[in-house]
Amino acid sequence: MASAPCGEALVPGLWKPLKNRWQMNPDTILKALANESRLQILHWLKQPTKHFRPQVYGDLTKDGVCGIYIVEKLGLSAPTVSEHLRVLTFAGLIRGKRIRQWTFYKREEKFIRESLAAICKMV
């Protein structure tokens, strides 16, 4: 069986084994979605070319949106937005990609679809 992700050492029970791979606990996903700012970020990242201006480095669709642009658009402090992005990343809903000194964020569409379908079956 695959080893547990590093977050397991910090928060026991966060990850659970599923058919030789690890899948996020639905509680973590629901908690990540229970914030208006995080929902707004997910909405914007669904259609990045519609909601963000072109970037110098990184393609909006292929690489994701620079965290600085998300801070500007959300209108909150950089540390607050960074925490929202961390929660979304930890839940598996987005992923960060480093290009030069910046981090670009993109939705994990397949994981979002599978997770929401699984949660709907549970309810």
PDB file of N, CA and C in Angstrom:
ATOM      1  N   MET A   1       0.844  -1.177   0.000  1.00  0.00           N
ATOM      2  CA  MET A   1       0.000   0.000   0.000  1.00  0.00           C
ATOM      3  C   MET A   1       0.888   1.238   0.000  1.00  0.00           C
ATOM      4  N   ALA A   2       0.445   2.305  -0.626  1.00  0.00           N
ATOM      5  CA  ALA A   2       1.200   3.555  -0.678  1.00  0.00           C
ATOM      6  C   ALA A   2       1.336   4.148   0.710  1.00  0.00           C
ATOM      7  N   SER A   3       2.421   4.898   0.902  1.00  0.00           N
ATOM      8  CA  SER A   3       2.613   5.521   2.213  1.00  0.00           C
ATOM      9  C   SER A   3       1.710   6.747   2.338  1.00  0.00           C
ATOM     10  N   ALA A   4       1.417   7.115   3.575  1.00  0.00           N
ATOM     11  CA  ALA A   4       0.542   8.259   3.837  1.00  0.00           C
ATOM     12  C   ALA A   4       1.240   9.553   3.465  1.00  0.00           C
ATOM     13  N   PRO A   5       0.508  10.548   2.983  1.00  0.00           N
ATOM     14  CA  PRO A   5       1.080  11.848   2.701  1.00  0.00           C
ATOM     15  C   PRO A   5       1.620  12.491   3.974  1.00  0.00           C
ATOM     16  N   CYS A   6       2.491  13.488   3.804  1.00  0.00           N
ATOM     17  CA  CYS A   6       3.158  14.083   4.960  1.00  0.00           C
ATOM     18  C   CYS A   6       2.179  14.733   5.936  1.00  0.00           C
ATOM     19  N   GLY A   7       1.015  15.180   5.492  1.00  0.00           N
ATOM     20  CA  GLY A   7       0.035  15.790   6.381  1.00  0.00           C
ATOM     21  C   GLY A   7      -0.477  14.836   7.446  1.00  0.00           C
ATOM     22  N   GLU A   8      -0.381  13.543   7.191  1.00  0.00           N
ATOM     23  CA  GLU A   8      -0.868  12.545   8.147  1.00  0.00           C
ATOM     24  C   GLU A   8      -0.101  12.641   9.462  1.00  0.00           C
ATOM     25  N   ALA A   9       1.185  12.967   9.387  1.00  0.00           N
ATOM     26  CA  ALA A   9       1.980  13.072  10.611  1.00  0.00           C
ATOM     27  C   ALA A   9       1.516  14.253  11.463  1.00  0.00           C
ATOM     28  N   LEU A  10       1.029  15.305  10.816  1.00  0.00           N
ATOM     29  CA  LEU A  10       0.582  16.491  11.528  1.00  0.00           C
ATOM     30  C   LEU A  10      -0.846  16.361  12.045  1.00  0.00           C
ATOM     31  N   VAL A  11      -1.708  15.760  11.243  1.00  0.00           N
ATOM     32  CA  VAL A  11      -3.119  15.637  11.609  1.00  0.00           C
ATOM     33  C   VAL A  11      -3.545  14.183  11.410  1.00  0.00           C
ATOM     34  N   PRO A  12      -3.414  13.350  12.432  1.00  0.00           N
ATOM     35  CA  PRO A  12      -3.795  11.947  12.290  1.00  0.00           C
ATOM     36  C   PRO A  12      -5.256  11.790  11.878  1.00  0.00           C
ATOM     37  N   GLY A  13      -5.518  10.850  10.979  1.00  0.00           N
ATOM     38  CA  GLY A  13      -6.881  10.577  10.546  1.00  0.00           C
ATOM     39  C   GLY A  13      -7.352  11.441   9.393  1.00  0.00           C
ATOM     40  N   LEU A  14      -6.489  12.360   8.936  1.00  0.00           N
ATOM     41  CA  LEU A  14      -6.894  13.244   7.849  1.00  0.00           C
ATOM     42  C   LEU A  14      -7.007  12.467   6.540  1.00  0.00           C
ATOM     43  N   TRP A  15      -6.083  11.565   6.321  1.00  0.00           N
ATOM     44  CA  TRP A  15      -6.080  10.773   5.093  1.00  0.00           C
ATOM     45  C   TRP A  15      -6.583   9.375   5.388  1.00  0.00           C
ATOM     46  N   LYS A  16      -7.207   8.767   4.403  1.00  0.00           N
ATOM     47  CA  LYS A  16      -7.654   7.396   4.589  1.00  0.00           C
ATOM     48  C   LYS A  16      -7.294   6.575   3.355  1.00  0.00           C
ATOM     49  N   PRO A  17      -6.897   5.305   3.553  1.00  0.00           N
ATOM     50  CA  PRO A  17      -6.522   4.473   2.410  1.00  0.00           C
ATOM     51  C   PRO A  17      -7.763   4.057   1.620  1.00  0.00           C
ATOM     52  N   LEU A  18      -7.606   4.007   0.308  1.00  0.00           N
ATOM     53  CA  LEU A  18      -8.693   3.574  -0.563  1.00  0.00           C
ATOM     54  C   LEU A  18      -8.095   2.892  -1.786  1.00  0.00           C
ATOM     55  N   LYS A  19      -8.189   1.577  -1.856  1.00  0.00           N
ATOM     56  CA  LYS A  19      -7.708   0.806  -2.997  1.00  0.00           C
ATOM     57  C   LYS A  19      -6.269   1.183  -3.376  1.00  0.00           C
ATOM     58  N   ASN A  20      -5.354   1.030  -2.432  1.00  0.00           N
ATOM     59  CA  ASN A  20      -3.926   1.264  -2.651  1.00  0.00           C
ATOM     60  C   ASN A  20      -3.579   2.708  -3.016  1.00  0.00           C
ATOM     61  N   ARG A  21      -4.419   3.643  -2.693  1.00  0.00           N
ATOM     62  CA  ARG A  21      -4.072   5.057  -2.856  1.00  0.00           C
ATOM     63  C   ARG A  21      -4.711   5.812  -1.706  1.00  0.00           C
ATOM     64  N   TRP A  22      -4.363   7.048  -1.561  1.00  0.00           N
ATOM     65  CA  TRP A  22      -4.874   7.843  -0.450  1.00  0.00           C
ATOM     66  C   TRP A  22      -5.888   8.834  -0.976  1.00  0.00           C
ATOM     67  N   GLN A  23      -6.978   8.971  -0.271  1.00  0.00           N
ATOM     68  CA  GLN A  23      -8.023   9.906  -0.668  1.00  0.00           C
ATOM     69  C   GLN A  23      -8.350  10.798   0.516  1.00  0.00           C
ATOM     70  N   MET A  24      -8.650  12.033   0.230  1.00  0.00           N
ATOM     71  CA  MET A  24      -8.924  13.006   1.274  1.00  0.00           C
ATOM     72  C   MET A  24     -10.224  12.679   2.003  1.00  0.00           C
ATOM     73  N   ASN A  25     -10.241  12.985   3.251  1.00  0.00           N
ATOM     74  CA  ASN A  25     -11.417  12.831   4.087  1.00  0.00           C
ATOM     75  C   ASN A  25     -12.466  13.878   3.663  1.00  0.00           C
ATOM     76  N   PRO A  26     -13.716  13.500   3.425  1.00  0.00           N
ATOM     77  CA  PRO A  26     -14.749  14.450   3.008  1.00  0.00           C
ATOM     78  C   PRO A  26     -14.928  15.627   3.966  1.00  0.00           C
ATOM     79  N   ASP A  27     -14.677  15.415   5.255  1.00  0.00           N
ATOM     80  CA  ASP A  27     -14.799  16.518   6.216  1.00  0.00           C
ATOM     81  C   ASP A  27     -13.872  17.671   5.863  1.00  0.00           C
ATOM     82  N   THR A  28     -12.656  17.337   5.431  1.00  0.00           N
ATOM     83  CA  THR A  28     -11.681  18.363   5.077  1.00  0.00           C
ATOM     84  C   THR A  28     -12.129  19.144   3.847  1.00  0.00           C
ATOM     85  N   ILE A  29     -12.685  18.444   2.879  1.00  0.00           N
ATOM     86  CA  ILE A  29     -13.178  19.105   1.666  1.00  0.00           C
ATOM     87  C   ILE A  29     -14.337  20.031   2.005  1.00  0.00           C
ATOM     88  N   LEU A  30     -15.282  19.546   2.798  1.00  0.00           N
ATOM     89  CA  LEU A  30     -16.438  20.371   3.156  1.00  0.00           C
ATOM     90  C   LEU A  30     -16.029  21.600   3.961  1.00  0.00           C
ATOM     91  N   LYS A  31     -15.064  21.445   4.852  1.00  0.00           N
ATOM     92  CA  LYS A  31     -14.584  22.595   5.620  1.00  0.00           C
ATOM     93  C   LYS A  31     -13.899  23.611   4.711  1.00  0.00           C
ATOM     94  N   ALA A  32     -13.179  23.124   3.710  1.00  0.00           N
ATOM     95  CA  ALA A  32     -12.525  24.029   2.755  1.00  0.00           C
ATOM     96  C   ALA A  32     -13.559  24.806   1.937  1.00  0.00           C
ATOM     97  N   LEU A  33     -14.679  24.161   1.648  1.00  0.00           N
ATOM     98  CA  LEU A  33     -15.730  24.804   0.850  1.00  0.00           C
ATOM     99  C   LEU A  33     -16.644  25.700   1.679  1.00  0.00           C
ATOM    100  N   ALA A  34     -16.502  25.674   2.988  1.00  0.00           N
ATOM    101  CA  ALA A  34     -17.405  26.409   3.878  1.00  0.00           C
ATOM    102  C   ALA A  34     -16.926  27.832   4.141  1.00  0.00           C
ATOM    103  N   ASN A  35     -16.358  28.466   3.127  1.00  0.00           N
ATOM    104  CA  ASN A  35     -15.880  29.836   3.272  1.00  0.00           C
ATOM    105  C   ASN A  35     -16.132  30.573   1.961  1.00  0.00           C
ATOM    106  N   GLU A  36     -16.742  31.735   2.045  1.00  0.00           N
ATOM    107  CA  GLU A  36     -17.113  32.492   0.851  1.00  0.00           C
ATOM    108  C   GLU A  36     -15.903  32.887   0.006  1.00  0.00           C
ATOM    109  N   SER A  37     -14.812  33.276   0.643  1.00  0.00           N
ATOM    110  CA  SER A  37     -13.613  33.674  -0.111  1.00  0.00           C
ATOM    111  C   SER A  37     -13.022  32.489  -0.867  1.00  0.00           C
ATOM    112  N   ARG A  38     -12.992  31.321  -0.242  1.00  0.00           N
ATOM    113  CA  ARG A  38     -12.453  30.137  -0.920  1.00  0.00           C
ATOM    114  C   ARG A  38     -13.358  29.699  -2.062  1.00  0.00           C
ATOM    115  N   LEU A  39     -14.666  29.812  -1.880  1.00  0.00           N
ATOM    116  CA  LEU A  39     -15.589  29.508  -2.983  1.00  0.00           C
ATOM    117  C   LEU A  39     -15.389  30.483  -4.139  1.00  0.00           C
ATOM    118  N   GLN A  40     -15.141  31.747  -3.822  1.00  0.00           N
ATOM    119  CA  GLN A  40     -14.899  32.753  -4.852  1.00  0.00           C
ATOM    120  C   GLN A  40     -13.619  32.427  -5.630  1.00  0.00           C
ATOM    121  N   ILE A  41     -12.582  32.036  -4.920  1.00  0.00           N
ATOM    122  CA  ILE A  41     -11.328  31.660  -5.581  1.00  0.00           C
ATOM    123  C   ILE A  41     -11.558  30.478  -6.521  1.00  0.00           C
ATOM    124  N   LEU A  42     -12.272  29.456  -6.055  1.00  0.00           N
ATOM    125  CA  LEU A  42     -12.568  28.303  -6.912  1.00  0.00           C
ATOM    126  C   LEU A  42     -13.373  28.713  -8.143  1.00  0.00           C
ATOM    127  N   HIS A  43     -14.316  29.618  -7.958  1.00  0.00           N
ATOM    128  CA  HIS A  43     -15.125  30.111  -9.080  1.00  0.00           C
ATOM    129  C   HIS A  43     -14.235  30.814 -10.109  1.00  0.00           C
ATOM    130  N   TRP A  44     -13.371  31.702  -9.646  1.00  0.00           N
ATOM    131  CA  TRP A  44     -12.477  32.418 -10.566  1.00  0.00           C
ATOM    132  C   TRP A  44     -11.527  31.477 -11.284  1.00  0.00           C
ATOM    133  N   LEU A  45     -11.008  30.479 -10.574  1.00  0.00           N
ATOM    134  CA  LEU A  45     -10.049  29.562 -11.186  1.00  0.00           C
ATOM    135  C   LEU A  45     -10.697  28.626 -12.203  1.00  0.00           C
ATOM    136  N   LYS A  46     -12.023  28.522 -12.156  1.00  0.00           N
ATOM    137  CA  LYS A  46     -12.721  27.681 -13.138  1.00  0.00           C
ATOM    138  C   LYS A  46     -12.592  28.267 -14.540  1.00  0.00           C
ATOM    139  N   GLN A  47     -12.621  29.598 -14.651  1.00  0.00           N
ATOM    140  CA  GLN A  47     -12.460  30.288 -15.933  1.00  0.00           C
ATOM    141  C   GLN A  47     -11.428  31.411 -15.762  1.00  0.00           C
ATOM    142  N   PRO A  48     -10.152  31.055 -15.663  1.00  0.00           N
ATOM    143  CA  PRO A  48      -9.142  32.055 -15.335  1.00  0.00           C
ATOM    144  C   PRO A  48      -8.982  33.160 -16.378  1.00  0.00           C
ATOM    145  N   THR A  49      -9.155  32.852 -17.660  1.00  0.00           N
ATOM    146  CA  THR A  49      -8.985  33.890 -18.684  1.00  0.00           C
ATOM    147  C   THR A  49     -10.112  34.924 -18.629  1.00  0.00           C
ATOM    148  N   LYS A  50     -11.240  34.546 -18.084  1.00  0.00           N
ATOM    149  CA  LYS A  50     -12.371  35.466 -17.943  1.00  0.00           C
ATOM    150  C   LYS A  50     -12.181  36.396 -16.739  1.00  0.00           C
ATOM    151  N   HIS A  51     -11.518  35.919 -15.702  1.00  0.00           N
ATOM    152  CA  HIS A  51     -11.453  36.661 -14.441  1.00  0.00           C
ATOM    153  C   HIS A  51     -10.105  37.315 -14.141  1.00  0.00           C
ATOM    154  N   PHE A  52      -9.052  36.957 -14.877  1.00  0.00           N
ATOM    155  CA  PHE A  52      -7.732  37.509 -14.595  1.00  0.00           C
ATOM    156  C   PHE A  52      -7.081  38.040 -15.868  1.00  0.00           C
ATOM    157  N   ARG A  53      -6.265  39.077 -15.696  1.00  0.00           N
ATOM    158  CA  ARG A  53      -5.542  39.646 -16.834  1.00  0.00           C
ATOM    159  C   ARG A  53      -4.389  38.716 -17.214  1.00  0.00           C
ATOM    160  N   PRO A  54      -3.872  38.855 -18.445  1.00  0.00           N
ATOM    161  CA  PRO A  54      -2.746  38.001 -18.867  1.00  0.00           C
ATOM    162  C   PRO A  54      -1.536  38.190 -17.951  1.00  0.00           C
ATOM    163  N   GLN A  55      -0.765  37.115 -17.799  1.00  0.00           N
ATOM    164  CA  GLN A  55       0.407  37.113 -16.929  1.00  0.00           C
ATOM    165  C   GLN A  55       1.674  37.161 -17.770  1.00  0.00           C
ATOM    166  N   VAL A  56       2.746  37.692 -17.195  1.00  0.00           N
ATOM    167  CA  VAL A  56       4.034  37.704 -17.878  1.00  0.00           C
ATOM    168  C   VAL A  56       4.605  36.293 -17.925  1.00  0.00           C
ATOM    169  N   TYR A  57       4.576  35.607 -16.789  1.00  0.00           N
ATOM    170  CA  TYR A  57       5.068  34.228 -16.701  1.00  0.00           C
ATOM    171  C   TYR A  57       3.882  33.304 -16.445  1.00  0.00           C
ATOM    172  N   GLY A  58       3.892  32.162 -17.090  1.00  0.00           N
ATOM    173  CA  GLY A  58       2.852  31.167 -16.865  1.00  0.00           C
ATOM    174  C   GLY A  58       1.571  31.474 -17.623  1.00  0.00           C
ATOM    175  N   ASP A  59       1.019  30.460 -18.229  1.00  0.00           N
ATOM    176  CA  ASP A  59      -0.237  30.551 -18.960  1.00  0.00           C
ATOM    177  C   ASP A  59      -1.394  30.380 -17.971  1.00  0.00           C
ATOM    178  N   LEU A  60      -2.378  31.268 -18.047  1.00  0.00           N
ATOM    179  CA  LEU A  60      -3.515  31.220 -17.122  1.00  0.00           C
ATOM    180  C   LEU A  60      -4.199  29.850 -17.108  1.00  0.00           C
ATOM    181  N   THR A  61      -4.390  29.268 -18.275  1.00  0.00           N
ATOM    182  CA  THR A  61      -5.108  27.997 -18.373  1.00  0.00           C
ATOM    183  C   THR A  61      -4.200  26.806 -18.077  1.00  0.00           C
ATOM    184  N   LYS A  62      -3.016  26.799 -18.653  1.00  0.00           N
ATOM    185  CA  LYS A  62      -2.108  25.654 -18.508  1.00  0.00           C
ATOM    186  C   LYS A  62      -1.425  25.611 -17.139  1.00  0.00           C
ATOM    187  N   ASP A  63      -0.907  26.756 -16.698  1.00  0.00           N
ATOM    188  CA  ASP A  63      -0.122  26.786 -15.460  1.00  0.00           C
ATOM    189  C   ASP A  63      -0.919  27.232 -14.240  1.00  0.00           C
ATOM    190  N   GLY A  64      -1.984  27.982 -14.448  1.00  0.00           N
ATOM    191  CA  GLY A  64      -2.770  28.502 -13.342  1.00  0.00           C
ATOM    192  C   GLY A  64      -2.569  29.993 -13.165  1.00  0.00           C
ATOM    193  N   VAL A  65      -3.154  30.524 -12.111  1.00  0.00           N
ATOM    194  CA  VAL A  65      -3.144  31.962 -11.837  1.00  0.00           C
ATOM    195  C   VAL A  65      -2.127  32.256 -10.738  1.00  0.00           C
ATOM    196  N   CYS A  66      -1.343  33.302 -10.954  1.00  0.00           N
ATOM    197  CA  CYS A  66      -0.358  33.715  -9.959  1.00  0.00           C
ATOM    198  C   CYS A  66      -1.078  34.131  -8.670  1.00  0.00           C
ATOM    199  N   GLY A  67      -0.538  33.704  -7.546  1.00  0.00           N
ATOM    200  CA  GLY A  67      -1.126  34.042  -6.252  1.00  0.00           C
ATOM    201  C   GLY A  67      -1.268  35.539  -6.037  1.00  0.00           C
ATOM    202  N   ILE A  68      -0.375  36.328  -6.605  1.00  0.00           N
ATOM    203  CA  ILE A  68      -0.443  37.788  -6.463  1.00  0.00           C
ATOM    204  C   ILE A  68      -1.719  38.324  -7.110  1.00  0.00           C
ATOM    205  N   TYR A  69      -2.087  37.765  -8.252  1.00  0.00           N
ATOM    206  CA  TYR A  69      -3.314  38.204  -8.930  1.00  0.00           C
ATOM    207  C   TYR A  69      -4.547  37.859  -8.105  1.00  0.00           C
ATOM    208  N   ILE A  70      -4.503  36.710  -7.440  1.00  0.00           N
ATOM    209  CA  ILE A  70      -5.630  36.305  -6.590  1.00  0.00           C
ATOM    210  C   ILE A  70      -5.749  37.257  -5.400  1.00  0.00           C
ATOM    211  N   VAL A  71      -4.611  37.645  -4.827  1.00  0.00           N
ATOM    212  CA  VAL A  71      -4.604  38.612  -3.718  1.00  0.00           C
ATOM    213  C   VAL A  71      -5.223  39.926  -4.177  1.00  0.00           C
ATOM    214  N   GLU A  72      -4.797  40.421  -5.341  1.00  0.00           N
ATOM    215  CA  GLU A  72      -5.325  41.690  -5.875  1.00  0.00           C
ATOM    216  C   GLU A  72      -6.835  41.618  -6.073  1.00  0.00           C
ATOM    217  N   LYS A  73      -7.295  40.532  -6.681  1.00  0.00           N
ATOM    218  CA  LYS A  73      -8.717  40.421  -7.021  1.00  0.00           C
ATOM    219  C   LYS A  73      -9.595  40.226  -5.780  1.00  0.00           C
ATOM    220  N   LEU A  74      -9.115  39.455  -4.825  1.00  0.00           N
ATOM    221  CA  LEU A  74      -9.900  39.176  -3.629  1.00  0.00           C
ATOM    222  C   LEU A  74      -9.957  40.383  -2.697  1.00  0.00           C
ATOM    223  N   GLY A  75      -8.921  41.218  -2.735  1.00  0.00           N
ATOM    224  CA  GLY A  75      -8.931  42.431  -1.923  1.00  0.00           C
ATOM    225  C   GLY A  75      -8.671  42.199  -0.443  1.00  0.00           C
ATOM    226  N   LEU A  76      -8.065  41.072  -0.107  1.00  0.00           N
ATOM    227  CA  LEU A  76      -7.699  40.772   1.272  1.00  0.00           C
ATOM    228  C   LEU A  76      -6.179  40.826   1.392  1.00  0.00           C
ATOM    229  N   SER A  77      -5.670  40.745   2.603  1.00  0.00           N
ATOM    230  CA  SER A  77      -4.223  40.777   2.793  1.00  0.00           C
ATOM    231  C   SER A  77      -3.583  39.517   2.210  1.00  0.00           C
ATOM    232  N   ALA A  78      -2.326  39.628   1.828  1.00  0.00           N
ATOM    233  CA  ALA A  78      -1.601  38.481   1.272  1.00  0.00           C
ATOM    234  C   ALA A  78      -1.561  37.296   2.240  1.00  0.00           C
ATOM    235  N   PRO A  79      -1.299  37.504   3.542  1.00  0.00           N
ATOM    236  CA  PRO A  79      -1.314  36.353   4.451  1.00  0.00           C
ATOM    237  C   PRO A  79      -2.674  35.661   4.541  1.00  0.00           C
ATOM    238  N   THR A  80      -3.755  36.441   4.491  1.00  0.00           N
ATOM    239  CA  THR A  80      -5.097  35.853   4.547  1.00  0.00           C
ATOM    240  C   THR A  80      -5.375  35.019   3.303  1.00  0.00           C
ATOM    241  N   VAL A  81      -5.048  35.563   2.133  1.00  0.00           N
ATOM    242  CA  VAL A  81      -5.260  34.831   0.883  1.00  0.00           C
ATOM    243  C   VAL A  81      -4.359  33.600   0.840  1.00  0.00           C
ATOM    244  N   SER A  82      -3.138  33.738   1.316  1.00  0.00           N
ATOM    245  CA  SER A  82      -2.222  32.605   1.365  1.00  0.00           C
ATOM    246  C   SER A  82      -2.802  31.471   2.205  1.00  0.00           C
ATOM    247  N   GLU A  83      -3.431  31.809   3.306  1.00  0.00           N
ATOM    248  CA  GLU A  83      -4.069  30.785   4.154  1.00  0.00           C
ATOM    249  C   GLU A  83      -5.241  30.123   3.424  1.00  0.00           C
ATOM    250  N   HIS A  84      -6.051  30.919   2.723  1.00  0.00           N
ATOM    251  CA  HIS A  84      -7.161  30.344   1.946  1.00  0.00           C
ATOM    252  C   HIS A  84      -6.619  29.385   0.885  1.00  0.00           C
ATOM    253  N   LEU A  85      -5.550  29.784   0.196  1.00  0.00           N
ATOM    254  CA  LEU A  85      -4.954  28.935  -0.839  1.00  0.00           C
ATOM    255  C   LEU A  85      -4.360  27.668  -0.222  1.00  0.00           C
ATOM    256  N   ARG A  86      -3.779  27.789   0.954  1.00  0.00           N
ATOM    257  CA  ARG A  86      -3.230  26.624   1.647  1.00  0.00           C
ATOM    258  C   ARG A  86      -4.333  25.626   1.990  1.00  0.00           C
ATOM    259  N   VAL A  87      -5.457  26.120   2.493  1.00  0.00           N
ATOM    260  CA  VAL A  87      -6.583  25.247   2.858  1.00  0.00           C
ATOM    261  C   VAL A  87      -7.122  24.538   1.615  1.00  0.00           C
ATOM    262  N   LEU A  88      -7.298  25.267   0.524  1.00  0.00           N
ATOM    263  CA  LEU A  88      -7.792  24.670  -0.717  1.00  0.00           C
ATOM    264  C   LEU A  88      -6.812  23.635  -1.269  1.00  0.00           C
ATOM    265  N   THR A  89      -5.520  23.941  -1.173  1.00  0.00           N
ATOM    266  CA  THR A  89      -4.497  23.002  -1.639  1.00  0.00           C
ATOM    267  C   THR A  89      -4.472  21.759  -0.763  1.00  0.00           C
ATOM    268  N   PHE A  90      -4.524  21.949   0.546  1.00  0.00           N
ATOM    269  CA  PHE A  90      -4.505  20.831   1.487  1.00  0.00           C
ATOM    270  C   PHE A  90      -5.711  19.919   1.286  1.00  0.00           C
ATOM    271  N   ALA A  91      -6.839  20.501   0.906  1.00  0.00           N
ATOM    272  CA  ALA A  91      -8.046  19.710   0.650  1.00  0.00           C
ATOM    273  C   ALA A  91      -7.980  18.998  -0.698  1.00  0.00           C
ATOM    274  N   GLY A  92      -7.005  19.354  -1.534  1.00  0.00           N
ATOM    275  CA  GLY A  92      -6.859  18.714  -2.836  1.00  0.00           C
ATOM    276  C   GLY A  92      -7.667  19.374  -3.935  1.00  0.00           C
ATOM    277  N   LEU A  93      -8.307  20.500  -3.646  1.00  0.00           N
ATOM    278  CA  LEU A  93      -9.176  21.165  -4.619  1.00  0.00           C
ATOM    279  C   LEU A  93      -8.399  21.997  -5.634  1.00  0.00           C
ATOM    280  N   ILE A  94      -7.220  22.467  -5.259  1.00  0.00           N
ATOM    281  CA  ILE A  94      -6.346  23.188  -6.185  1.00  0.00           C
ATOM    282  C   ILE A  94      -4.927  22.663  -5.987  1.00  0.00           C
ATOM    283  N   ARG A  95      -4.057  23.008  -6.925  1.00  0.00           N
ATOM    284  CA  ARG A  95      -2.647  22.673  -6.768  1.00  0.00           C
ATOM    285  C   ARG A  95      -1.814  23.892  -7.119  1.00  0.00           C
ATOM    286  N   GLY A  96      -0.690  24.010  -6.469  1.00  0.00           N
ATOM    287  CA  GLY A  96       0.229  25.098  -6.739  1.00  0.00           C
ATOM    288  C   GLY A  96       1.390  24.615  -7.579  1.00  0.00           C
ATOM    289  N   LYS A  97       1.865  25.505  -8.451  1.00  0.00           N
ATOM    290  CA  LYS A  97       3.005  25.203  -9.317  1.00  0.00           C
ATOM    291  C   LYS A  97       3.963  26.383  -9.237  1.00  0.00           C
ATOM    292  N   ARG A  98       5.220  26.120  -8.889  1.00  0.00           N
ATOM    293  CA  ARG A  98       6.204  27.184  -8.781  1.00  0.00           C
ATOM    294  C   ARG A  98       6.778  27.503 -10.163  1.00  0.00           C
ATOM    295  N   ILE A  99       6.742  28.790 -10.507  1.00  0.00           N
ATOM    296  CA  ILE A  99       7.413  29.290 -11.697  1.00  0.00           C
ATOM    297  C   ILE A  99       8.195  30.513 -11.234  1.00  0.00           C
ATOM    298  N   ARG A 100       9.513  30.426 -11.355  1.00  0.00           N
ATOM    299  CA  ARG A 100      10.404  31.444 -10.796  1.00  0.00           C
ATOM    300  C   ARG A 100      10.115  31.590  -9.312  1.00  0.00           C
ATOM    301  N   GLN A 101       9.865  32.806  -8.828  1.00  0.00           N
ATOM    302  CA  GLN A 101       9.614  32.983  -7.390  1.00  0.00           C
ATOM    303  C   GLN A 101       8.128  33.012  -7.039  1.00  0.00           C
ATOM    304  N   TRP A 102       7.255  32.760  -7.992  1.00  0.00           N
ATOM    305  CA  TRP A 102       5.816  32.841  -7.757  1.00  0.00           C
ATOM    306  C   TRP A 102       5.169  31.448  -7.748  1.00  0.00           C
ATOM    307  N   THR A 103       4.017  31.370  -7.121  1.00  0.00           N
ATOM    308  CA  THR A 103       3.228  30.138  -7.150  1.00  0.00           C
ATOM    309  C   THR A 103       1.957  30.413  -7.938  1.00  0.00           C
ATOM    310  N   PHE A 104       1.660  29.527  -8.866  1.00  0.00           N
ATOM    311  CA  PHE A 104       0.483  29.630  -9.719  1.00  0.00           C
ATOM    312  C   PHE A 104      -0.487  28.533  -9.310  1.00  0.00           C
ATOM    313  N   TYR A 105      -1.763  28.883  -9.215  1.00  0.00           N
ATOM    314  CA  TYR A 105      -2.770  27.954  -8.703  1.00  0.00           C
ATOM    315  C   TYR A 105      -3.776  27.582  -9.787  1.00  0.00           C
ATOM    316  N   LYS A 106      -4.111  26.299  -9.785  1.00  0.00           N
ATOM    317  CA  LYS A 106      -5.040  25.750 -10.773  1.00  0.00           C
ATOM    318  C   LYS A 106      -5.950  24.756 -10.074  1.00  0.00           C
ATOM    319  N   ARG A 107      -7.200  24.691 -10.524  1.00  0.00           N
ATOM    320  CA  ARG A 107      -8.164  23.735  -9.962  1.00  0.00           C
ATOM    321  C   ARG A 107      -7.786  22.299 -10.333  1.00  0.00           C
ATOM    322  N   GLU A 108      -8.080  21.384  -9.433  1.00  0.00           N
ATOM    323  CA  GLU A 108      -7.926  19.952  -9.685  1.00  0.00           C
ATOM    324  C   GLU A 108      -9.305  19.423 -10.080  1.00  0.00           C
ATOM    325  N   GLU A 109      -9.658  19.608 -11.336  1.00  0.00           N
ATOM    326  CA  GLU A 109     -11.015  19.322 -11.811  1.00  0.00           C
ATOM    327  C   GLU A 109     -11.452  17.882 -11.568  1.00  0.00           C
ATOM    328  N   LYS A 110     -10.585  16.934 -11.880  1.00  0.00           N
ATOM    329  CA  LYS A 110     -10.966  15.526 -11.714  1.00  0.00           C
ATOM    330  C   LYS A 110     -11.224  15.210 -10.243  1.00  0.00           C
ATOM    331  N   PHE A 111     -10.347  15.678  -9.368  1.00  0.00           N
ATOM    332  CA  PHE A 111     -10.520  15.435  -7.937  1.00  0.00           C
ATOM    333  C   PHE A 111     -11.793  16.107  -7.423  1.00  0.00           C
ATOM    334  N   ILE A 112     -12.084  17.313  -7.903  1.00  0.00           N
ATOM    335  CA  ILE A 112     -13.297  18.028  -7.487  1.00  0.00           C
ATOM    336  C   ILE A 112     -14.533  17.237  -7.890  1.00  0.00           C
ATOM    337  N   ARG A 113     -14.576  16.780  -9.146  1.00  0.00           N
ATOM    338  CA  ARG A 113     -15.730  15.990  -9.628  1.00  0.00           C
ATOM    339  C   ARG A 113     -15.919  14.713  -8.815  1.00  0.00           C
ATOM    340  N   GLU A 114     -14.828  13.971  -8.639  1.00  0.00           N
ATOM    341  CA  GLU A 114     -14.914  12.698  -7.921  1.00  0.00           C
ATOM    342  C   GLU A 114     -15.314  12.909  -6.457  1.00  0.00           C
ATOM    343  N   SER A 115     -14.748  13.921  -5.832  1.00  0.00           N
ATOM    344  CA  SER A 115     -15.035  14.175  -4.418  1.00  0.00           C
ATOM    345  C   SER A 115     -16.473  14.608  -4.205  1.00  0.00           C
ATOM    346  N   LEU A 116     -16.949  15.521  -5.036  1.00  0.00           N
ATOM    347  CA  LEU A 116     -18.325  15.985  -4.884  1.00  0.00           C
ATOM    348  C   LEU A 116     -19.314  14.860  -5.173  1.00  0.00           C
ATOM    349  N   ALA A 117     -19.000  14.005  -6.135  1.00  0.00           N
ATOM    350  CA  ALA A 117     -19.881  12.873  -6.422  1.00  0.00           C
ATOM    351  C   ALA A 117     -19.925  11.919  -5.223  1.00  0.00           C
ATOM    352  N   ALA A 118     -18.766  11.672  -4.614  1.00  0.00           N
ATOM    353  CA  ALA A 118     -18.707  10.791  -3.448  1.00  0.00           C
ATOM    354  C   ALA A 118     -19.461  11.390  -2.269  1.00  0.00           C
ATOM    355  N   ILE A 119     -19.320  12.685  -2.075  1.00  0.00           N
ATOM    356  CA  ILE A 119     -20.020  13.347  -0.970  1.00  0.00           C
ATOM    357  C   ILE A 119     -21.527  13.308  -1.202  1.00  0.00           C
ATOM    358  N   CYS A 120     -21.959  13.525  -2.441  1.00  0.00           N
ATOM    359  CA  CYS A 120     -23.405  13.470  -2.744  1.00  0.00           C
ATOM    360  C   CYS A 120     -23.981  12.077  -2.464  1.00  0.00           C
ATOM    361  N   LYS A 121     -23.189  11.051  -2.727  1.00  0.00           N
ATOM    362  CA  LYS A 121     -23.660   9.690  -2.448  1.00  0.00           C
ATOM    363  C   LYS A 121     -23.799   9.440  -0.955  1.00  0.00           C
ATOM    364  N   MET A 122     -22.970  10.114  -0.166  1.00  0.00           N
ATOM    365  CA  MET A 122     -23.002   9.933   1.284  1.00  0.00           C
ATOM    366  C   MET A 122     -24.203  10.616   1.916  1.00  0.00           C
ATOM    367  N   VAL A 123     -24.674  11.664   1.290  1.00  0.00           N
ATOM    368  CA  VAL A 123     -25.740  12.479   1.892  1.00  0.00           C
ATOM    369  C   VAL A 123     -27.095  11.875   1.656  1.00  0.00           C
TER     370      VAL A 123
END
